[in-house]
C-alpha atoms as a PDB file:
ATOM      1  CA  MET A   1     -10.885 -10.287  29.329  1.00  0.00           C
ATOM      2  CA  SER A   2     -14.442 -11.586  28.698  1.00  0.00           C
ATOM      3  CA  ARG A   3     -15.425 -12.830  25.246  1.00  0.00           C
ATOM      4  CA  ALA A   4     -18.051 -10.078  24.993  1.00  0.00           C
ATOM      5  CA  ARG A   5     -15.526  -7.353  25.773  1.00  0.00           C
ATOM      6  CA  SER A   6     -12.917  -8.646  23.342  1.00  0.00           C
ATOM      7  CA  SER A   7     -15.502  -8.929  20.547  1.00  0.00           C
ATOM      8  CA  ALA A   8     -16.751  -5.409  21.329  1.00  0.00           C
ATOM      9  CA  GLY A   9     -13.195  -4.083  21.040  1.00  0.00           C
ATOM     10  CA  VAL A  10     -12.740  -5.771  17.655  1.00  0.00           C
ATOM     11  CA  ALA A  11     -16.120  -4.442  16.481  1.00  0.00           C
ATOM     12  CA  ALA A  12     -15.230  -0.882  17.515  1.00  0.00           C
ATOM     13  CA  ALA A  13     -11.911  -1.042  15.651  1.00  0.00           C
ATOM     14  CA  GLY A  14     -13.666  -2.510  12.596  1.00  0.00           C
ATOM     15  CA  VAL A  15     -16.312   0.225  12.534  1.00  0.00           C
ATOM     16  CA  LEU A  16     -13.540   2.835  12.676  1.00  0.00           C
ATOM     17  CA  VAL A  17     -11.692   1.215   9.762  1.00  0.00           C
ATOM     18  CA  ALA A  18     -14.955   0.993   7.749  1.00  0.00           C
ATOM     19  CA  ALA A  19     -15.476   4.726   8.294  1.00  0.00           C
ATOM     20  CA  LEU A  20     -11.920   5.740   7.349  1.00  0.00           C
ATOM     21  CA  LEU A  21     -10.956   3.220   4.643  1.00  0.00           C
ATOM     22  CA  PRO A  22     -10.021   5.214   1.494  1.00  0.00           C
ATOM     23  CA  ILE A  23     -12.248   4.540  -1.520  1.00  0.00           C
ATOM     24  CA  ALA A  24     -11.718   5.793  -5.079  1.00  0.00           C
ATOM     25  CA  GLY A  25     -12.945   9.380  -5.418  1.00  0.00           C
ATOM     26  CA  ALA A  26     -14.437   8.554  -8.831  1.00  0.00           C
ATOM     27  CA  LEU A  27     -17.409   6.889  -7.075  1.00  0.00           C
ATOM     28  CA  ASP A  28     -20.619   8.584  -5.978  1.00  0.00           C
ATOM     29  CA  ALA A  29     -20.435   9.917  -2.392  1.00  0.00           C
ATOM     30  CA  ARG A  30     -23.878   8.546  -1.509  1.00  0.00           C
ATOM     31  CA  GLU A  31     -22.935   5.114  -2.834  1.00  0.00           C
ATOM     32  CA  ILE A  32     -19.753   5.147  -0.753  1.00  0.00           C
ATOM     33  CA  MET A  33     -21.622   6.187   2.394  1.00  0.00           C
ATOM     34  CA  GLN A  34     -24.167   3.377   1.983  1.00  0.00           C
ATOM     35  CA  ALA A  35     -21.322   0.894   1.537  1.00  0.00           C
ATOM     36  CA  ARG A  36     -19.556   2.171   4.668  1.00  0.00           C
ATOM     37  CA  VAL A  37     -22.729   1.906   6.760  1.00  0.00           C
ATOM     38  CA  LEU A  38     -23.393  -1.646   5.569  1.00  0.00           C
ATOM     39  CA  ALA A  39     -19.762  -2.695   6.155  1.00  0.00           C
ATOM     40  CA  ALA A  40     -19.881  -1.262   9.687  1.00  0.00           C
ATOM     41  CA  SER A  41     -23.211  -3.030  10.370  1.00  0.00           C
ATOM     42  CA  LEU A  42     -21.868  -6.360   9.098  1.00  0.00           C
ATOM     43  CA  THR A  43     -18.802  -5.889  11.312  1.00  0.00           C
ATOM     44  CA  VAL A  44     -20.962  -5.469  14.430  1.00  0.00           C
ATOM     45  CA  ILE A  45     -23.117  -8.468  13.467  1.00  0.00           C
ATOM     46  CA  ALA A  46     -20.078 -10.682  12.800  1.00  0.00           C
ATOM     47  CA  CYS A  47     -18.415  -9.766  16.107  1.00  0.00           C
ATOM     48  CA  SER A  48     -21.682 -10.280  18.019  1.00  0.00           C
ATOM     49  CA  ALA A  49     -22.054 -13.734  16.480  1.00  0.00           C
ATOM     50  CA  ALA A  50     -18.456 -14.572  17.444  1.00  0.00           C
ATOM     51  CA  ALA A  51     -19.148 -13.528  21.055  1.00  0.00           C
ATOM     52  CA  LEU A  52     -22.232 -15.774  21.238  1.00  0.00           C
ATOM     53  CA  ALA A  53     -20.651 -18.791  19.535  1.00  0.00           C
ATOM     54  CA  ARG A  54     -19.434 -21.731  21.616  1.00  0.00           C
ATOM     55  CA  PRO A  55     -15.642 -21.573  21.977  1.00  0.00           C
ATOM     56  CA  ARG A  56     -14.791 -24.884  20.294  1.00  0.00           C
ATOM     57  CA  ARG A  57     -11.175 -24.110  19.581  1.00  0.00           C
ATOM     58  CA  ALA A  58     -10.408 -26.397  16.614  1.00  0.00           C
ATOM     59  CA  GLY A  59     -13.594 -25.591  14.698  1.00  0.00           C
ATOM     60  CA  THR A  60     -13.383 -21.895  15.526  1.00  0.00           C
ATOM     61  CA  ALA A  61      -9.800 -21.669  14.305  1.00  0.00           C
ATOM     62  CA  ALA A  62     -10.767 -23.329  11.016  1.00  0.00           C
ATOM     63  CA  ILE A  63     -13.658 -20.902  10.460  1.00  0.00           C
ATOM     64  CA  ALA A  64     -11.418 -17.976  11.379  1.00  0.00           C
ATOM     65  CA  ALA A  65      -8.754 -19.159   8.909  1.00  0.00           C
ATOM     66  CA  LEU A  66     -11.348 -19.474   6.117  1.00  0.00           C
ATOM     67  CA  THR A  67     -12.762 -16.022   6.899  1.00  0.00           C
ATOM     68  CA  GLY A  68      -9.286 -14.489   6.890  1.00  0.00           C
ATOM     69  CA  ALA A  69      -8.431 -16.184   3.583  1.00  0.00           C
ATOM     70  CA  VAL A  70     -11.561 -14.760   1.947  1.00  0.00           C
ATOM     71  CA  GLY A  71     -10.661 -11.341   3.355  1.00  0.00           C
ATOM     72  CA  ILE A  72      -7.162 -11.532   1.875  1.00  0.00           C
ATOM     73  CA  ALA A  73      -8.611 -12.551  -1.512  1.00  0.00           C
ATOM     74  CA  LEU A  74     -10.945  -9.533  -1.450  1.00  0.00           C
ATOM     75  CA  LEU A  75      -8.077  -7.245  -0.437  1.00  0.00           C
ATOM     76  CA  LEU A  76      -6.073  -8.403  -3.452  1.00  0.00           C
ATOM     77  CA  THR A  77      -9.147  -7.924  -5.660  1.00  0.00           C
ATOM     78  CA  SER A  78      -9.513  -4.386  -4.324  1.00  0.00           C
ATOM     79  CA  ALA A  79      -5.887  -3.578  -5.142  1.00  0.00           C
ATOM     80  CA  ASP A  80      -6.350  -5.003  -8.644  1.00  0.00           C
ATOM     81  CA  ALA A  81      -9.560  -2.998  -9.199  1.00  0.00           C
ATOM     82  CA  ASN A  82      -7.855   0.230  -8.125  1.00  0.00           C
ATOM     83  CA  THR A  83      -5.166  -0.461 -10.714  1.00  0.00           C
ATOM     84  CA  ARG A  84      -7.294  -1.637 -13.651  1.00  0.00           C
ATOM     85  CA  CYS A  85     -10.716  -0.010 -13.187  1.00  0.00           C
ATOM     86  CA  LEU A  86      -9.738   3.670 -13.014  1.00  0.00           C
ATOM     87  CA  ALA A  87      -8.589   6.135 -15.631  1.00  0.00           C
ATOM     88  CA  SER A  88      -7.971   9.879 -15.617  1.00  0.00           C
ATOM     89  CA  PHE A  89      -9.939  12.436 -17.630  1.00  0.00           C
ATOM     90  CA  ASP A  90      -9.748  16.221 -17.281  1.00  0.00           C
ATOM     91  CA  GLY A  91      -7.898  15.941 -13.963  1.00  0.00           C
ATOM     92  CA  ARG A  92     -10.384  13.582 -12.284  1.00  0.00           C
ATOM     93  CA  GLY A  93     -10.753   9.848 -11.873  1.00  0.00           C
ATOM     94  CA  VAL A  94     -13.328   7.950 -13.933  1.00  0.00           C
ATOM     95  CA  VAL A  95     -14.484   4.349 -13.482  1.00  0.00           C
ATOM     96  CA  ILE A  96     -13.868   2.282 -16.620  1.00  0.00           C
ATOM     97  CA  GLY A  97     -14.425  -1.410 -17.405  1.00  0.00           C
ATOM     98  CA  ARG A  98     -12.372  -4.439 -18.341  1.00  0.00           C
ATOM     99  CA  GLU A  99     -14.250  -5.534 -21.471  1.00  0.00           C
ATOM    100  CA  TYR A 100     -14.387  -3.495 -24.676  1.00  0.00           C
ATOM    101  CA  THR A 101     -17.509  -2.770 -26.702  1.00  0.00           C
ATOM    102  CA  ALA A 102     -17.461  -3.801 -30.379  1.00  0.00           C
ATOM    103  CA  ALA A 103     -16.512  -0.235 -31.299  1.00  0.00           C
ATOM    104  CA  GLY A 104     -13.895  -0.245 -28.544  1.00  0.00           C
ATOM    105  CA  VAL A 105     -12.317  -3.441 -29.872  1.00  0.00           C
ATOM    106  CA  ASP A 106     -11.995  -1.879 -33.341  1.00  0.00           C
ATOM    107  CA  TYR A 107     -10.575   1.351 -31.954  1.00  0.00           C
ATOM    108  CA  VAL A 108      -7.974  -0.429 -29.800  1.00  0.00           C
ATOM    109  CA  ARG A 109      -7.007  -2.619 -32.764  1.00  0.00           C
ATOM    110  CA  ASN A 110      -6.507   0.457 -34.967  1.00  0.00           C
ATOM    111  CA  HIS A 111      -4.716   2.445 -32.242  1.00  0.00           C
ATOM    112  CA  PRO A 112      -2.420   0.010 -30.409  1.00  0.00           C
ATOM    113  CA  GLY A 113      -0.416   1.066 -27.375  1.00  0.00           C
ATOM    114  CA  LEU A 114      -2.890   3.591 -25.969  1.00  0.00           C
ATOM    115  CA  SER A 115      -3.343   3.663 -22.184  1.00  0.00           C
ATOM    116  CA  ALA A 116      -6.779   3.535 -20.561  1.00  0.00           C
ATOM    117  CA  SER A 117      -6.620   7.297 -19.916  1.00  0.00           C
ATOM    118  CA  ASP A 118      -5.744   7.913 -23.586  1.00  0.00           C
ATOM    119  CA  LEU A 119      -8.696   5.807 -24.695  1.00  0.00           C
ATOM    120  CA  LEU A 120     -10.990   7.691 -22.327  1.00  0.00           C
ATOM    121  CA  LEU A 121      -9.699  11.014 -23.665  1.00  0.00           C
ATOM    122  CA  ASP A 122     -10.370   9.922 -27.257  1.00  0.00           C
ATOM    123  CA  ALA A 123     -13.889   8.883 -26.193  1.00  0.00           C
ATOM    124  CA  GLY A 124     -14.571  12.372 -24.835  1.00  0.00           C
ATOM    125  CA  GLY A 125     -14.696  11.153 -21.244  1.00  0.00           C
ATOM    126  CA  ALA A 126     -17.566   8.703 -21.909  1.00  0.00           C
ATOM    127  CA  PRO A 127     -16.283   5.279 -20.766  1.00  0.00           C
ATOM    128  CA  ASP A 128     -19.281   3.368 -22.204  1.00  0.00           C
ATOM    129  CA  ARG A 129     -18.055   4.221 -25.709  1.00  0.00           C
ATOM    130  CA  ILE A 130     -15.011   2.020 -25.140  1.00  0.00           C
ATOM    131  CA  TRP A 131     -15.988  -0.399 -22.337  1.00  0.00           C
ATOM    132  CA  THR A 132     -19.211  -2.358 -21.908  1.00  0.00           C
ATOM    133  CA  ALA A 133     -21.768  -1.097 -19.395  1.00  0.00           C
ATOM    134  CA  ALA A 134     -21.737  -4.475 -17.610  1.00  0.00           C
ATOM    135  CA  SER A 135     -17.959  -4.416 -17.077  1.00  0.00           C
ATOM    136  CA  ILE A 136     -18.123  -0.805 -15.837  1.00  0.00           C
ATOM    137  CA  ALA A 137     -20.820  -1.821 -13.343  1.00  0.00           C
ATOM    138  CA  ARG A 138     -18.660  -4.725 -12.142  1.00  0.00           C
ATOM    139  CA  CYS A 139     -15.719  -2.375 -11.673  1.00  0.00           C
ATOM    140  CA  ARG A 140     -17.897   0.036  -9.677  1.00  0.00           C
ATOM    141  CA  PHE A 141     -18.936  -2.866  -7.452  1.00  0.00           C
ATOM    142  CA  TRP A 142     -15.391  -4.066  -6.808  1.00  0.00           C
ATOM    143  CA  LEU A 143     -14.070  -0.547  -6.232  1.00  0.00           C
ATOM    144  CA  THR A 144     -16.794   0.054  -3.648  1.00  0.00           C
ATOM    145  CA  TRP A 145     -17.137  -3.325  -1.970  1.00  0.00           C
ATOM    146  CA  ALA A 146     -13.941  -5.339  -2.391  1.00  0.00           C
ATOM    147  CA  GLY A 147     -12.055  -3.242   0.142  1.00  0.00           C
ATOM    148  CA  LEU A 148     -14.942  -2.569   2.538  1.00  0.00           C
ATOM    149  CA  LEU A 149     -16.051  -6.197   2.764  1.00  0.00           C
ATOM    150  CA  THR A 150     -12.612  -7.122   4.078  1.00  0.00           C
ATOM    151  CA  VAL A 151     -13.446  -5.174   7.250  1.00  0.00           C
ATOM    152  CA  PRO A 152     -16.243  -7.477   8.574  1.00  0.00           C
ATOM    153  CA  LEU A 153     -14.315 -10.534   7.370  1.00  0.00           C
ATOM    154  CA  PHE A 154     -11.090  -9.620   9.185  1.00  0.00           C
ATOM    155  CA  ALA A 155     -13.102  -8.476  12.217  1.00  0.00           C
ATOM    156  CA  ALA A 156     -14.931 -11.816  12.308  1.00  0.00           C
ATOM    157  CA  CYS A 157     -11.611 -13.666  11.998  1.00  0.00           C
ATOM    158  CA  LEU A 158     -10.044 -11.753  14.889  1.00  0.00           C
ATOM    159  CA  ALA A 159     -13.191 -11.925  17.047  1.00  0.00           C
ATOM    160  CA  LEU A 160     -13.387 -15.704  16.593  1.00  0.00           C
ATOM    161  CA  LEU A 161      -9.741 -16.133  17.538  1.00  0.00           C
ATOM    162  CA  THR A 162     -10.001 -13.910  20.618  1.00  0.00           C
ATOM    163  CA  ALA A 163     -13.272 -15.560  21.682  1.00  0.00           C
ATOM    164  CA  SER A 164     -11.721 -19.020  21.449  1.00  0.00           C
ATOM    165  CA  GLY A 165      -8.542 -17.997  23.271  1.00  0.00           C
ATOM    166  CA  THR A 166      -6.329 -18.544  20.217  1.00  0.00           C
ATOM    167  CA  ALA A 167      -5.424 -14.843  20.269  1.00  0.00           C
ATOM    168  CA  ARG A 168      -5.734 -12.103  22.868  1.00  0.00           C
ATOM    169  CA  LEU A 169      -6.810  -8.504  22.438  1.00  0.00           C
ATOM    170  CA  VAL A 170      -5.512  -5.793  24.758  1.00  0.00           C
ATOM    171  CA  LEU A 171      -7.856  -2.828  25.318  1.00  0.00           C
ATOM    172  CA  PRO A 172      -6.974   0.465  27.035  1.00  0.00           C
ATOM    173  CA  GLY A 173      -7.046  -0.018  30.802  1.00  0.00           C
ATOM    174  CA  ALA A 174      -6.476  -3.776  30.593  1.00  0.00           C
ATOM    175  CA  PRO A 175      -3.137  -5.204  31.765  1.00  0.00           C
ATOM    176  CA  ALA A 176      -0.893  -6.221  28.887  1.00  0.00           C
ATOM    177  CA  PRO A 177      -0.243  -9.975  28.614  1.00  0.00           C
ATOM    178  CA  ALA A 178       3.261 -11.061  29.556  1.00  0.00           C
ATOM    179  CA  PRO A 179       5.439 -11.736  26.506  1.00  0.00           C
ATOM    180  CA  ARG A 180       6.362 -15.297  25.644  1.00  0.00           C
ATOM    181  CA  PRO A 181      10.020 -16.247  26.091  1.00  0.00           C
ATOM    182  CA  GLY A 182      12.130 -14.513  23.467  1.00  0.00           C
ATOM    183  CA  GLU A 183       9.158 -12.547  22.065  1.00  0.00           C
ATOM    184  CA  GLY A 184      10.400  -9.172  23.316  1.00  0.00           C
ATOM    185  CA  ASP A 185      13.853  -9.746  21.842  1.00  0.00           C
ATOM    186  CA  ILE A 186      12.747  -9.580  18.174  1.00  0.00           C
ATOM    187  CA  GLN A 187      14.283  -6.518  16.481  1.00  0.00           C
ATOM    188  CA  PRO A 188      12.868  -4.884  13.321  1.00  0.00           C
ATOM    189  CA  ALA A 189      14.810  -5.537  10.123  1.00  0.00           C
ATOM    190  CA  TYR A 190      14.470  -1.911   8.952  1.00  0.00           C
ATOM    191  CA  ASP A 191      14.449   1.508  10.585  1.00  0.00           C
ATOM    192  CA  ALA A 192      11.914   2.736   8.013  1.00  0.00           C
ATOM    193  CA  PHE A 193       9.827   1.727   5.004  1.00  0.00           C
ATOM    194  CA  LEU A 194       9.415   4.303   2.206  1.00  0.00           C
ATOM    195  CA  SER A 195       5.873   4.710   0.856  1.00  0.00           C
ATOM    196  CA  TYR A 196       5.764   6.849  -2.286  1.00  0.00           C
ATOM    197  CA  ARG A 197       3.961   7.281  -5.607  1.00  0.00           C
ATOM    198  CA  HIS A 198       5.750   5.843  -8.626  1.00  0.00           C
ATOM    199  CA  GLY A 199       6.624   8.397 -11.285  1.00  0.00           C
ATOM    200  CA  ASP A 200       8.587  11.631 -11.115  1.00  0.00           C
ATOM    201  CA  PRO A 201       9.104  13.766  -9.141  1.00  0.00           C
ATOM    202  CA  ASP A 202       7.906  11.434  -6.344  1.00  0.00           C
ATOM    203  CA  ARG A 203      10.296   8.651  -7.357  1.00  0.00           C
ATOM    204  CA  ARG A 204      13.190  11.138  -7.257  1.00  0.00           C
ATOM    205  CA  TYR A 205      12.164  12.362  -3.797  1.00  0.00           C
ATOM    206  CA  ALA A 206      12.171   8.755  -2.543  1.00  0.00           C
ATOM    207  CA  ALA A 207      15.541   7.952  -4.154  1.00  0.00           C
ATOM    208  CA  ASP A 208      17.189  11.052  -2.657  1.00  0.00           C
ATOM    209  CA  LEU A 209      15.682  10.261   0.742  1.00  0.00           C
ATOM    210  CA  LEU A 210      16.877   6.646   0.565  1.00  0.00           C
ATOM    211  CA  GLU A 211      20.430   7.726  -0.251  1.00  0.00           C
ATOM    212  CA  ALA A 212      20.501  10.390   2.490  1.00  0.00           C
ATOM    213  CA  LEU A 213      19.231   8.063   5.228  1.00  0.00           C
ATOM    214  CA  GLU A 214      21.375   5.066   4.283  1.00  0.00           C
ATOM    215  CA  SER A 215      24.480   7.270   4.099  1.00  0.00           C
ATOM    216  CA  ARG A 216      23.876   7.922   7.800  1.00  0.00           C
ATOM    217  CA  GLY A 217      23.850   4.236   8.656  1.00  0.00           C
ATOM    218  CA  LEU A 218      20.064   3.711   8.738  1.00  0.00           C
ATOM    219  CA  ARG A 219      18.328   0.632   7.320  1.00  0.00           C
ATOM    220  CA  VAL A 220      15.583   1.606   4.859  1.00  0.00           C
ATOM    221  CA  ALA A 221      13.186  -0.618   2.870  1.00  0.00           C
ATOM    222  CA  ILE A 222      11.884   0.450  -0.552  1.00  0.00           C
ATOM    223  CA  ASP A 223       9.670  -1.554  -2.907  1.00  0.00           C
ATOM    224  CA  ALA A 224      11.860  -1.395  -6.023  1.00  0.00           C
ATOM    225  CA  ARG A 225      14.769  -3.045  -4.200  1.00  0.00           C
ATOM    226  CA  ASP A 226      13.375  -4.929  -1.204  1.00  0.00           C
ATOM    227  CA  PHE A 227      10.115  -6.512  -2.436  1.00  0.00           C
ATOM    228  CA  ARG A 228      10.690 -10.188  -3.267  1.00  0.00           C
ATOM    229  CA  GLY A 229      10.031 -11.068  -6.893  1.00  0.00           C
ATOM    230  CA  ASN A 230       7.978 -14.216  -6.282  1.00  0.00           C
ATOM    231  CA  GLU A 231       5.437 -12.675  -3.893  1.00  0.00           C
ATOM    232  CA  HIS A 232       2.272 -10.588  -4.290  1.00  0.00           C
ATOM    233  CA  VAL A 233       2.754  -6.841  -3.878  1.00  0.00           C
ATOM    234  CA  VAL A 234       0.240  -6.545  -0.973  1.00  0.00           C
ATOM    235  CA  SER A 235       1.965  -9.364   0.928  1.00  0.00           C
ATOM    236  CA  GLU A 236       5.310  -7.624   0.475  1.00  0.00           C
ATOM    237  CA  MET A 237       3.816  -4.320   1.630  1.00  0.00           C
ATOM    238  CA  GLU A 238       2.677  -5.978   4.861  1.00  0.00           C
ATOM    239  CA  ARG A 239       6.006  -7.797   5.384  1.00  0.00           C
ATOM    240  CA  CYS A 240       8.123  -4.655   5.005  1.00  0.00           C
ATOM    241  CA  ILE A 241       5.768  -2.572   7.162  1.00  0.00           C
ATOM    242  CA  ARG A 242       5.775  -5.239   9.899  1.00  0.00           C
ATOM    243  CA  GLN A 243       9.573  -5.363   9.819  1.00  0.00           C
ATOM    244  CA  SER A 244      10.012  -1.556   9.961  1.00  0.00           C
ATOM    245  CA  ARG A 245       9.996   0.752  12.964  1.00  0.00           C
ATOM    246  CA  LEU A 246       8.408   3.598  10.975  1.00  0.00           C
ATOM    247  CA  VAL A 247       6.607   4.101   7.646  1.00  0.00           C
ATOM    248  CA  LEU A 248       7.699   7.300   5.862  1.00  0.00           C
ATOM    249  CA  CYS A 249       5.047   8.626   3.444  1.00  0.00           C
ATOM    250  CA  VAL A 250       6.293  10.909   0.655  1.00  0.00           C
ATOM    251  CA  VAL A 251       3.183  13.105   0.546  1.00  0.00           C
ATOM    252  CA  THR A 252       2.379  14.892  -2.734  1.00  0.00           C
ATOM    253  CA  ALA A 253      -0.815  15.497  -4.694  1.00  0.00           C
ATOM    254  CA  ARG A 254      -0.120  12.299  -6.608  1.00  0.00           C
ATOM    255  CA  TYR A 255       0.491  10.272  -3.433  1.00  0.00           C
ATOM    256  CA  VAL A 256      -2.888  11.009  -1.825  1.00  0.00           C
ATOM    257  CA  GLY A 257      -4.671   9.854  -4.977  1.00  0.00           C
ATOM    258  CA  SER A 258      -2.785   6.547  -5.309  1.00  0.00           C
ATOM    259  CA  GLY A 259      -4.586   3.286  -4.550  1.00  0.00           C
ATOM    260  CA  TYR A 260      -1.450   1.329  -3.644  1.00  0.00           C
ATOM    261  CA  CYS A 261      -0.150   4.111  -1.375  1.00  0.00           C
ATOM    262  CA  SER A 262      -3.444   4.191   0.530  1.00  0.00           C
ATOM    263  CA  GLU A 263      -3.218   0.386   0.865  1.00  0.00           C
ATOM    264  CA  GLU A 264       0.194   0.786   2.542  1.00  0.00           C
ATOM    265  CA  ALA A 265      -1.231   3.365   4.944  1.00  0.00           C
ATOM    266  CA  ILE A 266      -4.245   1.153   5.761  1.00  0.00           C
ATOM    267  CA  ILE A 267      -1.982  -1.826   6.474  1.00  0.00           C
ATOM    268  CA  SER A 268       0.154   0.370   8.735  1.00  0.00           C
ATOM    269  CA  LYS A 269      -2.878   1.771  10.581  1.00  0.00           C
ATOM    270  CA  THR A 270      -4.390  -1.712  11.036  1.00  0.00           C
ATOM    271  CA  LEU A 271      -1.137  -3.148  12.414  1.00  0.00           C
ATOM    272  CA  ASP A 272      -0.775  -0.153  14.715  1.00  0.00           C
ATOM    273  CA  LEU A 273      -4.231  -0.836  16.175  1.00  0.00           C
ATOM    274  CA  THR A 274      -3.355  -4.441  17.007  1.00  0.00           C
ATOM    275  CA  GLU A 275       0.238  -3.782  18.118  1.00  0.00           C
ATOM    276  CA  ARG A 276      -0.425  -0.463  19.903  1.00  0.00           C
ATOM    277  CA  ARG A 277       2.217   1.364  17.869  1.00  0.00           C
ATOM    278  CA  LYS A 278       2.497   4.536  15.775  1.00  0.00           C
ATOM    279  CA  ARG A 279       4.443   3.879  12.577  1.00  0.00           C
ATOM    280  CA  LEU A 280       3.081   6.430  10.111  1.00  0.00           C
ATOM    281  CA  VAL A 281       5.197   9.595   9.528  1.00  0.00           C
ATOM    282  CA  PRO A 282       4.056  11.905   6.667  1.00  0.00           C
ATOM    283  CA  LEU A 283       6.814  13.784   4.820  1.00  0.00           C
ATOM    284  CA  PHE A 284       5.171  16.831   3.258  1.00  0.00           C
ATOM    285  CA  TYR A 285       6.838  17.584  -0.084  1.00  0.00           C
ATOM    286  CA  GLU A 286       3.746  19.471  -1.325  1.00  0.00           C
ATOM    287  CA  ARG A 287       0.980  21.258   0.572  1.00  0.00           C
ATOM    288  CA  VAL A 288      -2.156  19.325  -0.359  1.00  0.00           C
ATOM    289  CA  PRO A 289      -5.517  18.484   1.301  1.00  0.00           C
ATOM    290  CA  LEU A 290      -4.917  15.368   3.381  1.00  0.00           C
ATOM    291  CA  PRO A 291      -7.047  12.201   3.471  1.00  0.00           C
ATOM    292  CA  VAL A 292      -8.502  11.142   6.812  1.00  0.00           C
ATOM    293  CA  TRP A 293      -5.772   8.556   7.432  1.00  0.00           C
ATOM    294  CA  LEU A 294      -3.106  11.301   7.430  1.00  0.00           C
ATOM    295  CA  ASP A 295      -5.108  14.184   8.893  1.00  0.00           C
ATOM    296  CA  GLY A 296      -3.871  15.274  12.327  1.00  0.00           C
ATOM    297  CA  LEU A 297      -0.366  13.782  12.039  1.00  0.00           C
ATOM    298  CA  VAL A 298       2.419  16.345  12.548  1.00  0.00           C
ATOM    299  CA  GLY A 299       4.940  14.874  10.095  1.00  0.00           C
ATOM    300  CA  VAL A 300       8.064  16.518   8.668  1.00  0.00           C
ATOM    301  CA  ASP A 301       8.095  19.590   6.407  1.00  0.00           C
ATOM    302  CA  CYS A 302      10.173  18.724   3.304  1.00  0.00           C
ATOM    303  CA  THR A 303       9.092  21.677   1.144  1.00  0.00           C
ATOM    304  CA  ALA A 304      11.553  24.263  -0.139  1.00  0.00           C
ATOM    305  CA  SER A 305      10.374  26.684   2.562  1.00  0.00           C
ATOM    306  CA  ALA A 306      11.096  24.300   5.467  1.00  0.00           C
ATOM    307  CA  SER A 307      12.763  26.100   8.376  1.00  0.00           C
ATOM    308  CA  VAL A 308      14.508  22.946   9.661  1.00  0.00           C
ATOM    309  CA  ASP A 309      16.589  20.459   7.658  1.00  0.00           C
ATOM    310  CA  PRO A 310      14.129  17.560   7.105  1.00  0.00           C
ATOM    311  CA  ILE A 311      16.889  14.959   6.804  1.00  0.00           C
ATOM    312  CA  GLU A 312      18.344  15.897  10.181  1.00  0.00           C
ATOM    313  CA  SER A 313      14.847  15.772  11.700  1.00  0.00           C
ATOM    314  CA  LEU A 314      14.303  12.302  10.273  1.00  0.00           C
ATOM    315  CA  VAL A 315      17.687  11.011  11.367  1.00  0.00           C
ATOM    316  CA  GLY A 316      16.995  12.234  14.899  1.00  0.00           C
ATOM    317  CA  LEU A 317      13.564  10.571  14.868  1.00  0.00           C
ATOM    318  CA  LEU A 318      14.847   7.274  13.472  1.00  0.00           C
ATOM    319  CA  LYS A 319      17.791   7.075  15.869  1.00  0.00           C
ATOM    320  CA  THR A 320      15.669   7.803  18.960  1.00  0.00           C
END
């Protein structure tokens, strides 16, 4: 495959990810759209530059490694921002900050143990009464850009590697490269990875599902048991997803609004693009509007009105 074609394929995949990447609903829709357009534009520019660069393998690999490292750092920052920069008020998400105002410091000191959502409730839904305007603005920036900027960075990394011959990209219609000796013999460690929202009833759904599948001899990965204690949560997400044949998403209203759950789905979608696989299987425990990364997938009906036993459907799918 020519360098131009491989870079074009990476750019197309990057533009798609920039358009579909979930962003916190607490942000302004116009602000999100501008960020998506800029991320997509930077992706095309980065891949075009990689196609035009001279393929000096050692230097290119070093630049690609640096670009990928920066992308990973931003991905971790995005996950942290989704955890620490959002609170709930009146059933909707609100962007908060990380630094208290003088009044906020006094209030927190006099009311210890309150969560961010509790503080926001006591402030009448006005975050600037508790957190400084500057820290709120920084949180808005990281919530909008930390995740989206990973797209051009990872695209540039992959385009540089494919342009230099360090990695190869297979596009539809192109013959697949022959596997290296032993490469096709690697078996996944798990039949499935469970993606779910922490907190009941979602945690209970996941626990019951884990017990039912493992009682039938299937190998299932779940974060509470299988994530290694000395690693970052995003790294463990990627490891378990890579080592699983399928990713089972316990879909509820709480799941579709979770930052970490959307991260797991994005990792799965990104790996599927590069590995030409389809891992994601939604398990519908509640009927809710679906985000773009789940829309169109058939999934398994796990509601009380399901006409077919969902466990038997899953066992049949996992044992195929």
